[in-house]
Amino acid sequence: MRIFKKLSDRIQKNTRLIFAITLIAALLFIYISPALSINAIAEKQITISANQVIDDDLYLSGEILTIDGTIKGDAILSGSKITVNGTVDGDLIAAGQTITINGTIRDDVRIAGQVLRIDSQAKIADDLIAAGASLENKLGSSIGGDVSFFGAQALLAGTVNKNVLGAMNSLQLRGSVGQNMRVTVIGDPNPLKAPFIPKPEVTIPDIPEGLTILNNAKIGGKLTYKSTKDAQIEQKSQIIAGITREELPYKGQQGTASNQFTPTPGEILLGQLQRLLALLLIGWLLLRFFPGWIPGLTTTIQTKPLPSLGWGLVTFIGVWIVVTLVPLISFLLSGLLVFTLPHLILPVIGIGILFALGISVAFAIFATYIPQIIISFLGGRWLMERLQPNKSTTRIMSLLAGLVVFVVLTAIPLLGGILELIIILMGLGAFWLWGQRGIQDIRDRQLIST
């Protein structure tokens, strides 16, 4: 179904950014539990002093968090202003408005926030994964693994021992990258700015849109970038294995045949044929193993077309309300459990996400196939009765005739999309009414038996 395909394509384009932000948020919700005490978590300002050693993992949430001491395990932090000057022997996972790292992290760093700073004294032993409005690693800082950043802008002035990956609007390289750099840099001169975001206490670097590489920059491997315009690369910069630019069409540019994919008539025909065969196979399976289901839904649409359409619209809205609210409620409930029953946080979030995912998948599968099969069976049966009034027709032939007409009509631009939406809503409504009738029949039989 084209509606779900467009949504899927859009989601796939932003998968890594969504994954990075969601992962950090989910980890924080799952793992935040009392570290020093429940009062410590509730405090606005929390400081781990320079002479303090935490022999386990550290979980903190507050307004201002400062880590000057040593954490022997992982540090998982959530706050408005987070500063790490000390040492973390494990991973650092943090989310906040401003995050500053000026200490030693002996494993990975995963951070999300508005302003992300890796100061000059920072030493990160392994990978840095970050998402936010601004990332800056200053001269003197070192990152032992890869840097993966997804956000608005990045200024890399320190040392990255391995690769740089990511997507942003602006990127400036002043430092060194040990291996390859592969990035998507939009270069939009008027990027979209999120409203109602508070101004950070620290200064955000001012760098030009697009990709710029200064004279003192060095890339030990290959530079591969996608952008709407050429990178600004100064002559004395060093890029050992060469440069490859991949075209990134800009929404303000007129599309050309070279950067837009136009399927050939043969490809369109093949796609529609594959669609026909998929619907025919699923329809045959339903008629073979559930012989009364499709005819029952067909009768519901035939006798109650307008109620089916209306209840379909209600069902469509209801499903997406449930899918949206259930995870939200589970996350809110997990926030309350932090202070009461922290061991239940993971089950609550897991059940909420699995329930919403199950409903979404079931709804998508149903809406992609079942309504089309129902309407095609109804239309095909009507068509075969008109073409061969004195001859009985098998169910599969009625379905095939209806599917051919359905595929042809829905392939028409605009009209096909409107028709398919109406069919989906009618199918959803018919399923709802059919289910209600089945429940009522069960109740009636129970009353008779008693």
Protein backbone atom coordinates (compact mmCIF):
# COMPACT_ATOMS: atom_id res chain seq x y z
CA MET A 1 0.00 0.00 0.00
CA ARG A 2 1.46 3.28 -1.12
CA ILE A 3 0.49 5.21 2.02
CA PHE A 4 2.51 2.87 4.26
CA LYS A 5 5.37 2.67 1.72
CA LYS A 6 5.84 6.45 1.75
CA LEU A 7 5.85 6.46 5.55
CA SER A 8 8.32 3.58 5.61
CA ASP A 9 10.66 5.32 3.14
CA ARG A 10 10.66 8.49 5.23
CA ILE A 11 11.39 6.58 8.40
CA GLN A 12 14.24 4.67 6.72
CA LYS A 13 15.92 7.92 5.68
CA ASN A 14 16.14 8.98 9.33
CA THR A 15 16.62 5.56 10.91
CA ARG A 16 20.05 6.11 12.48
CA LEU A 17 19.17 9.50 13.96
CA ILE A 18 15.92 8.17 15.39
CA PHE A 19 17.74 5.08 16.70
CA ALA A 20 20.48 7.09 18.40
CA ILE A 21 18.09 9.43 20.21
CA THR A 22 15.61 6.68 21.09
CA LEU A 23 18.33 4.36 22.37
CA ILE A 24 19.74 6.91 24.78
CA ALA A 25 16.30 7.95 25.99
CA ALA A 26 15.21 4.35 26.47
CA LEU A 27 18.36 3.44 28.36
CA LEU A 28 17.91 6.37 30.68
CA PHE A 29 14.31 5.47 31.45
CA ILE A 30 15.17 1.81 31.95
CA TYR A 31 18.24 2.18 34.10
CA ILE A 32 17.69 5.30 36.21
CA SER A 33 17.40 4.00 39.77
CA PRO A 34 18.82 5.05 43.14
CA ALA A 35 22.60 5.22 43.04
CA LEU A 36 23.63 6.90 46.27
CA SER A 37 20.13 7.38 47.64
CA ILE A 38 16.65 8.33 46.48
CA ASN A 39 17.25 11.84 47.80
CA ALA A 40 20.35 12.17 45.63
CA ILE A 41 18.33 11.51 42.49
CA ALA A 42 15.74 14.10 43.49
CA GLU A 43 18.30 16.83 44.20
CA LYS A 44 18.75 19.67 41.72
CA GLN A 45 22.55 19.74 42.01
CA ILE A 46 24.68 16.63 42.50
CA THR A 47 28.47 16.52 42.63
CA ILE A 48 30.79 13.54 42.84
CA SER A 49 33.88 15.12 44.37
CA ALA A 50 37.43 14.60 43.10
CA ASN A 51 38.43 12.28 45.97
CA GLN A 52 35.29 10.17 45.74
CA VAL A 53 35.35 6.70 44.14
CA ILE A 54 32.19 4.84 43.10
CA ASP A 55 32.98 1.11 42.93
CA ASP A 56 29.91 0.28 40.85
CA ASP A 57 27.78 1.72 38.08
CA LEU A 58 26.46 5.23 38.69
CA TYR A 59 22.90 6.33 37.83
CA LEU A 60 22.05 9.97 38.40
CA SER A 61 19.27 12.35 37.40
CA GLY A 62 19.20 16.00 38.40
CA GLU A 63 19.39 19.56 37.14
CA ILE A 64 23.15 20.10 37.44
CA LEU A 65 25.44 17.06 37.56
CA THR A 66 29.20 17.28 38.04
CA ILE A 67 31.46 14.22 38.06
CA ASP A 68 34.93 15.08 39.37
CA GLY A 69 35.68 11.70 40.93
CA THR A 70 36.18 8.16 39.64
CA ILE A 71 33.44 5.79 38.51
CA LYS A 72 34.58 2.16 38.34
CA GLY A 73 31.62 1.09 36.21
CA ASP A 74 29.28 2.80 33.76
CA ALA A 75 27.91 6.31 34.32
CA ILE A 76 24.32 6.91 33.17
CA LEU A 77 23.29 10.52 33.62
CA SER A 78 20.26 12.67 32.91
CA GLY A 79 20.12 16.40 33.62
CA SER A 80 20.10 19.93 32.28
CA LYS A 81 23.82 20.62 32.68
CA ILE A 82 26.21 17.66 32.86
CA THR A 83 29.97 17.98 33.33
CA VAL A 84 32.40 15.06 33.54
CA ASN A 85 35.87 16.09 34.71
CA GLY A 86 36.82 12.82 36.37
CA THR A 87 37.31 9.25 35.19
CA VAL A 88 34.71 6.71 34.06
CA ASP A 89 36.09 3.20 33.66
CA GLY A 90 33.04 1.97 31.73
CA ASP A 91 30.61 3.60 29.32
CA LEU A 92 29.26 7.12 29.67
CA ILE A 93 25.60 7.45 28.65
CA ALA A 94 24.10 10.90 29.12
CA ALA A 95 21.20 13.07 27.99
CA GLY A 96 20.83 16.77 28.80
CA GLN A 97 20.78 20.31 27.47
CA THR A 98 24.54 20.88 27.84
CA ILE A 99 27.02 18.02 28.18
CA THR A 100 30.73 18.70 28.69
CA ILE A 101 33.39 15.99 28.87
CA ASN A 102 36.81 17.05 30.12
CA GLY A 103 37.95 13.86 31.78
CA THR A 104 38.83 10.28 30.87
CA ILE A 105 36.30 7.76 29.59
CA ARG A 106 37.83 4.30 29.26
CA ASP A 107 35.07 2.87 27.05
CA ASP A 108 32.29 4.22 24.80
CA VAL A 109 30.42 7.52 25.07
CA ARG A 110 26.77 7.84 24.03
CA ILE A 111 25.31 11.29 24.50
CA ALA A 112 22.31 13.30 23.31
CA GLY A 113 21.57 16.95 23.98
CA GLN A 114 21.52 20.50 22.68
CA VAL A 115 25.21 21.38 23.11
CA LEU A 116 27.80 18.59 23.30
CA ARG A 117 31.41 19.51 24.08
CA ILE A 118 34.52 17.34 24.23
CA ASP A 119 36.99 19.70 25.89
CA SER A 120 40.75 19.84 25.40
CA GLN A 121 41.61 17.50 28.31
CA ALA A 122 39.09 14.81 27.32
CA LYS A 123 40.32 11.29 26.53
CA ILE A 124 37.75 8.82 25.18
CA ALA A 125 39.16 5.32 24.75
CA ASP A 126 36.59 3.96 22.31
CA ASP A 127 33.64 5.20 20.22
CA LEU A 128 31.64 8.41 20.53
CA ILE A 129 27.99 8.24 19.44
CA ALA A 130 26.20 11.57 19.71
CA ALA A 131 22.98 13.28 18.64
CA GLY A 132 22.16 16.94 19.17
CA ALA A 133 22.21 20.49 17.90
CA SER A 134 25.96 21.05 18.22
CA LEU A 135 28.99 18.81 18.75
CA GLU A 136 32.50 20.16 19.33
CA ASN A 137 35.68 18.28 20.11
CA LYS A 138 38.39 20.76 20.96
CA LEU A 139 42.08 20.79 20.11
CA GLY A 140 43.91 18.45 22.49
CA SER A 141 41.04 16.01 22.95
CA SER A 142 41.34 12.44 21.67
CA ILE A 143 38.80 9.78 20.70
CA GLY A 144 40.21 6.28 20.32
CA GLY A 145 37.43 4.80 18.18
CA ASP A 146 34.83 6.07 15.72
CA VAL A 147 32.77 9.24 15.93
CA SER A 148 29.13 8.94 14.84
CA PHE A 149 27.14 12.17 15.01
CA PHE A 150 23.63 13.02 13.89
CA GLY A 151 22.42 16.57 14.36
CA ALA A 152 22.67 20.16 13.18
CA GLN A 153 26.39 20.98 13.21
CA ALA A 154 29.77 19.61 14.25
CA LEU A 155 33.20 21.18 14.75
CA LEU A 156 36.00 18.61 14.96
CA ALA A 157 39.28 20.15 16.10
CA GLY A 158 40.69 17.28 18.15
CA THR A 159 41.96 13.81 17.26
CA VAL A 160 39.77 10.93 16.08
CA ASN A 161 41.80 7.74 15.74
CA LYS A 162 39.37 5.85 13.51
CA ASN A 163 36.38 6.90 11.37
CA VAL A 164 33.94 9.80 11.33
CA LEU A 165 30.38 8.98 10.29
CA GLY A 166 27.12 10.87 10.44
CA ALA A 167 24.65 13.35 9.03
CA MET A 168 24.36 17.06 9.78
CA ASN A 169 23.80 20.43 8.13
CA SER A 170 27.27 21.86 8.83
CA LEU A 171 30.62 20.18 9.48
CA GLN A 172 34.03 21.77 9.90
CA LEU A 173 37.19 19.69 10.28
CA ARG A 174 40.22 21.31 11.90
CA GLY A 175 41.78 18.25 13.55
CA SER A 176 42.77 14.77 12.40
CA VAL A 177 40.85 11.63 11.45
CA GLY A 178 42.92 8.45 11.49
CA GLN A 179 40.93 6.48 8.93
CA ASN A 180 37.94 7.41 6.75
CA MET A 181 35.31 10.12 6.89
CA ARG A 182 31.88 9.30 5.45
CA VAL A 183 29.24 11.94 6.10
CA THR A 184 26.09 13.54 4.74
CA VAL A 185 26.29 17.32 5.05
CA ILE A 186 23.11 19.03 3.88
CA GLY A 187 24.47 22.57 3.58
CA ASP A 188 21.09 24.30 3.87
CA PRO A 189 21.66 28.07 4.30
CA ASN A 190 18.34 28.37 6.15
CA PRO A 191 18.06 25.25 8.31
CA LEU A 192 14.92 24.57 10.29
CA LYS A 193 15.29 25.69 13.90
CA ALA A 194 13.31 24.05 16.67
CA PRO A 195 11.01 26.54 18.46
CA PHE A 196 10.82 27.04 22.24
CA ILE A 197 14.31 25.62 22.87
CA PRO A 198 15.99 27.46 25.76
CA LYS A 199 19.25 29.25 25.05
CA PRO A 200 22.26 27.29 26.36
CA GLU A 201 24.63 28.75 28.92
CA VAL A 202 27.67 28.01 26.73
CA THR A 203 28.53 29.46 23.33
CA ILE A 204 27.74 27.39 20.26
CA PRO A 205 30.48 27.57 17.58
CA ASP A 206 29.60 29.58 14.48
CA ILE A 207 30.55 27.53 11.42
CA PRO A 208 29.41 27.88 7.80
CA GLU A 209 26.83 25.56 6.32
CA GLY A 210 28.11 22.60 4.35
CA LEU A 211 31.45 20.82 4.68
CA THR A 212 34.64 22.81 5.29
CA ILE A 213 38.11 21.34 5.81
CA LEU A 214 40.82 23.71 7.01
CA ASN A 215 44.56 23.72 6.27
CA ASN A 216 45.64 21.93 9.44
CA ALA A 217 43.11 19.10 9.00
CA LYS A 218 44.18 15.56 8.10
CA ILE A 219 42.20 12.49 7.02
CA GLY A 220 44.26 9.28 7.02
CA GLY A 221 41.88 7.47 4.66
CA LYS A 222 39.20 8.51 2.18
CA LEU A 223 36.68 11.35 2.35
CA THR A 224 33.23 10.40 1.06
CA TYR A 225 30.47 12.93 1.44
CA LYS A 226 26.96 13.67 0.24
CA SER A 227 26.00 17.32 -0.02
CA THR A 228 23.99 19.81 -2.00
CA LYS A 229 27.20 21.67 -2.83
CA ASP A 230 30.96 21.14 -3.07
CA ALA A 231 33.00 21.06 0.11
CA GLN A 232 35.31 23.98 0.89
CA ILE A 233 38.71 22.27 1.20
CA GLU A 234 41.79 24.37 1.85
CA GLN A 235 44.93 23.51 -0.11
CA LYS A 236 47.21 22.54 2.77
CA SER A 237 44.78 20.03 4.26
CA GLN A 238 45.75 16.35 3.88
CA ILE A 239 43.33 13.71 2.56
CA ILE A 240 45.41 10.60 1.95
CA ALA A 241 43.08 8.30 -0.04
CA GLY A 242 41.16 10.85 -2.10
CA ILE A 243 37.74 12.48 -2.17
CA THR A 244 34.39 11.25 -3.46
CA ARG A 245 31.30 13.43 -3.54
CA GLU A 246 27.86 11.85 -3.93
CA GLU A 247 25.05 14.09 -5.14
CA LEU A 248 22.38 15.01 -2.60
CA PRO A 249 19.37 16.68 -4.29
CA TYR A 250 18.24 19.83 -2.51
CA LYS A 251 14.51 20.41 -2.14
CA GLY A 252 14.89 23.89 -3.60
CA GLN A 253 16.58 22.60 -6.76
CA GLN A 254 14.76 21.50 -9.88
CA GLY A 255 15.05 17.75 -10.24
CA THR A 256 16.86 16.35 -13.25
CA ALA A 257 16.81 12.99 -14.90
CA SER A 258 20.20 12.22 -13.35
CA ASN A 259 19.10 12.58 -9.71
CA GLN A 260 15.49 11.44 -9.88
CA PHE A 261 14.43 7.83 -10.32
CA THR A 262 11.69 7.33 -12.89
CA PRO A 263 10.52 3.73 -13.26
CA THR A 264 10.11 2.41 -16.78
CA PRO A 265 6.72 1.11 -18.00
CA GLY A 266 8.09 -2.42 -17.73
CA GLU A 267 9.07 -1.90 -14.09
CA ILE A 268 5.65 -0.43 -13.30
CA LEU A 269 3.93 -3.39 -14.96
CA LEU A 270 6.14 -5.87 -13.09
CA GLY A 271 5.38 -4.17 -9.77
CA GLN A 272 1.63 -4.31 -10.36
CA LEU A 273 1.87 -7.96 -11.43
CA GLN A 274 3.76 -8.82 -8.23
CA ARG A 275 1.11 -7.00 -6.22
CA LEU A 276 -1.66 -8.96 -7.98
CA LEU A 277 0.03 -12.29 -7.33
CA ALA A 278 0.65 -11.48 -3.63
CA LEU A 279 -3.01 -10.53 -3.07
CA LEU A 280 -4.18 -13.59 -5.00
CA LEU A 281 -1.99 -15.94 -2.95
CA ILE A 282 -3.13 -14.51 0.39
CA GLY A 283 -6.75 -14.49 -0.77
CA TRP A 284 -6.52 -18.14 -1.85
CA LEU A 285 -5.06 -19.11 1.55
CA LEU A 286 -7.86 -17.32 3.38
CA LEU A 287 -10.55 -18.94 1.21
CA ARG A 288 -8.89 -22.33 1.59
CA PHE A 289 -8.36 -22.41 5.35
CA PHE A 290 -10.99 -19.89 6.54
CA PRO A 291 -13.75 -20.40 3.98
CA GLY A 292 -16.43 -18.46 5.83
CA TRP A 293 -14.41 -15.39 6.80
CA ILE A 294 -14.02 -13.51 3.50
CA PRO A 295 -17.64 -14.15 2.40
CA GLY A 296 -18.83 -13.01 5.83
CA LEU A 297 -16.91 -9.73 5.63
CA THR A 298 -18.09 -9.30 2.04
CA THR A 299 -21.72 -9.66 3.14
CA THR A 300 -21.17 -7.03 5.85
CA ILE A 301 -19.86 -4.49 3.32
CA GLN A 302 -22.61 -5.36 0.85
CA THR A 303 -25.42 -4.90 3.38
CA LYS A 304 -23.90 -2.07 5.44
CA PRO A 305 -21.56 -0.01 3.21
CA LEU A 306 -21.91 3.34 5.00
CA PRO A 307 -21.65 1.92 8.55
CA SER A 308 -18.58 -0.03 7.39
CA LEU A 309 -16.97 3.16 6.09
CA GLY A 310 -17.81 5.11 9.26
CA TRP A 311 -16.63 2.43 11.66
CA GLY A 312 -13.49 2.01 9.55
CA LEU A 313 -12.60 5.66 10.08
CA VAL A 314 -13.26 5.32 13.82
CA THR A 315 -11.13 2.16 13.96
CA PHE A 316 -8.27 3.81 12.05
CA ILE A 317 -8.19 6.78 14.44
CA GLY A 318 -8.59 4.54 17.49
CA VAL A 319 -5.70 2.28 16.57
CA TRP A 320 -3.26 5.15 16.17
CA ILE A 321 -4.42 6.76 19.42
CA VAL A 322 -3.74 3.48 21.22
CA VAL A 323 -0.37 3.00 19.51
CA THR A 324 0.65 6.53 20.53
CA LEU A 325 -0.69 6.54 24.09
CA VAL A 326 0.41 3.10 25.30
CA PRO A 327 4.19 3.73 25.02
CA LEU A 328 3.74 7.24 26.43
CA ILE A 329 1.80 5.94 29.43
CA SER A 330 4.35 3.18 30.01
CA PHE A 331 7.23 5.70 30.01
CA LEU A 332 5.37 8.02 32.38
CA LEU A 333 4.58 5.10 34.66
CA SER A 334 8.21 4.03 34.61
CA GLY A 335 9.16 7.52 35.76
CA LEU A 336 6.98 7.06 38.83
CA LEU A 337 8.43 3.61 39.45
CA VAL A 338 11.94 5.10 39.73
CA PHE A 339 11.09 6.22 43.26
CA THR A 340 8.96 3.24 44.28
CA LEU A 341 9.55 -0.05 42.44
CA PRO A 342 12.56 0.42 40.13
CA HIS A 343 12.74 -3.31 39.32
CA LEU A 344 9.42 -3.03 37.47
CA ILE A 345 10.64 -0.31 35.09
CA LEU A 346 11.95 -2.70 32.43
CA PRO A 347 8.81 -4.92 32.34
CA VAL A 348 6.49 -1.90 32.19
CA ILE A 349 8.38 -0.26 29.31
CA GLY A 350 8.88 -3.57 27.52
CA ILE A 351 5.22 -4.57 27.70
CA GLY A 352 4.11 -1.11 26.51
CA ILE A 353 6.48 -1.10 23.54
CA LEU A 354 5.71 -4.72 22.57
CA PHE A 355 1.96 -4.11 22.79
CA ALA A 356 2.17 -1.00 20.59
CA LEU A 357 4.49 -2.78 18.15
CA GLY A 358 2.17 -5.79 17.94
CA ILE A 359 -0.88 -3.61 17.28
CA SER A 360 1.03 -1.62 14.63
CA VAL A 361 2.26 -4.72 12.78
CA ALA A 362 -1.13 -6.43 12.89
CA PHE A 363 -2.87 -3.28 11.69
CA ALA A 364 -0.37 -2.73 8.87
CA ILE A 365 -0.68 -6.33 7.64
CA PHE A 366 -4.48 -6.23 7.79
CA ALA A 367 -4.74 -2.85 6.07
CA THR A 368 -2.28 -3.86 3.35
CA TYR A 369 -4.08 -7.03 2.25
CA ILE A 370 -7.46 -7.88 3.77
CA PRO A 371 -9.66 -4.92 2.64
CA GLN A 372 -8.34 -5.22 -0.91
CA ILE A 373 -9.14 -8.93 -0.97
CA ILE A 374 -12.64 -8.38 0.45
CA ILE A 375 -13.59 -5.69 -2.07
CA SER A 376 -12.00 -7.61 -4.95
CA PHE A 377 -13.93 -10.75 -4.02
CA LEU A 378 -17.17 -8.77 -3.82
CA GLY A 379 -16.55 -6.95 -7.11
CA GLY A 380 -15.33 -10.08 -8.87
CA ARG A 381 -18.37 -12.07 -7.83
CA TRP A 382 -20.66 -9.31 -9.09
CA LEU A 383 -18.71 -9.08 -12.37
CA MET A 384 -18.75 -12.82 -13.04
CA GLU A 385 -22.50 -12.99 -12.35
CA ARG A 386 -23.01 -10.34 -15.04
CA LEU A 387 -20.65 -11.92 -17.55
CA GLN A 388 -21.82 -15.51 -16.97
CA PRO A 389 -25.31 -15.32 -15.44
CA ASN A 390 -26.15 -18.97 -16.15
CA LYS A 391 -22.87 -20.47 -15.05
CA SER A 392 -21.52 -20.95 -11.55
CA THR A 393 -18.07 -19.52 -10.87
CA THR A 394 -15.49 -20.72 -8.37
CA ARG A 395 -14.48 -18.42 -5.54
CA ILE A 396 -10.90 -18.18 -6.73
CA MET A 397 -12.01 -17.07 -10.20
CA SER A 398 -14.25 -14.39 -8.67
CA LEU A 399 -11.32 -13.21 -6.57
CA LEU A 400 -8.95 -13.17 -9.56
CA ALA A 401 -11.38 -11.17 -11.71
CA GLY A 402 -11.92 -8.65 -8.93
CA LEU A 403 -8.20 -8.32 -8.21
CA VAL A 404 -7.41 -7.56 -11.85
CA VAL A 405 -9.95 -4.71 -11.85
CA PHE A 406 -8.74 -3.51 -8.43
CA VAL A 407 -5.05 -3.40 -9.45
CA VAL A 408 -5.85 -1.53 -12.67
CA LEU A 409 -8.05 1.08 -10.94
CA THR A 410 -5.68 1.71 -8.02
CA ALA A 411 -2.75 2.18 -10.42
CA ILE A 412 -4.38 5.41 -11.66
CA PRO A 413 -2.62 8.43 -10.07
CA LEU A 414 -4.63 10.28 -7.39
CA LEU A 415 -7.86 8.41 -8.12
CA GLY A 416 -6.20 5.14 -7.20
CA GLY A 417 -4.98 6.49 -3.87
CA ILE A 418 -8.41 7.85 -2.93
CA LEU A 419 -10.08 4.60 -3.95
CA GLU A 420 -7.61 2.51 -1.96
CA LEU A 421 -8.10 4.64 1.16
CA ILE A 422 -11.89 4.19 0.94
CA ILE A 423 -11.42 0.43 0.49
CA ILE A 424 -9.14 0.21 3.52
CA LEU A 425 -11.62 2.09 5.72
CA MET A 426 -14.53 -0.06 4.54
CA GLY A 427 -12.52 -3.22 5.22
CA LEU A 428 -11.61 -2.06 8.73
CA GLY A 429 -15.23 -1.16 9.44
CA ALA A 430 -16.50 -4.48 8.10
CA PHE A 431 -14.06 -6.34 10.35
CA TRP A 432 -15.25 -4.32 13.35
CA LEU A 433 -18.94 -4.96 12.62
CA TRP A 434 -18.26 -8.63 11.89
CA GLY A 435 -16.47 -8.98 15.22
CA GLN A 436 -19.27 -7.22 17.10
CA ARG A 437 -21.83 -9.53 15.53
CA GLY A 438 -19.76 -12.56 16.47
CA ILE A 439 -19.51 -11.40 20.09
CA GLN A 440 -23.26 -10.80 20.19
CA ASP A 441 -23.94 -14.30 18.80
CA ILE A 442 -21.80 -15.83 21.55
CA ARG A 443 -23.70 -13.87 24.21
CA ASP A 444 -27.04 -14.94 22.74
CA ARG A 445 -26.01 -18.60 22.81
CA GLN A 446 -24.89 -18.26 26.42
CA LEU A 447 -28.25 -16.75 27.37
CA ILE A 448 -30.12 -19.56 25.61
CA SER A 449 -28.00 -22.23 27.31
CA THR A 450 -28.66 -20.73 30.74
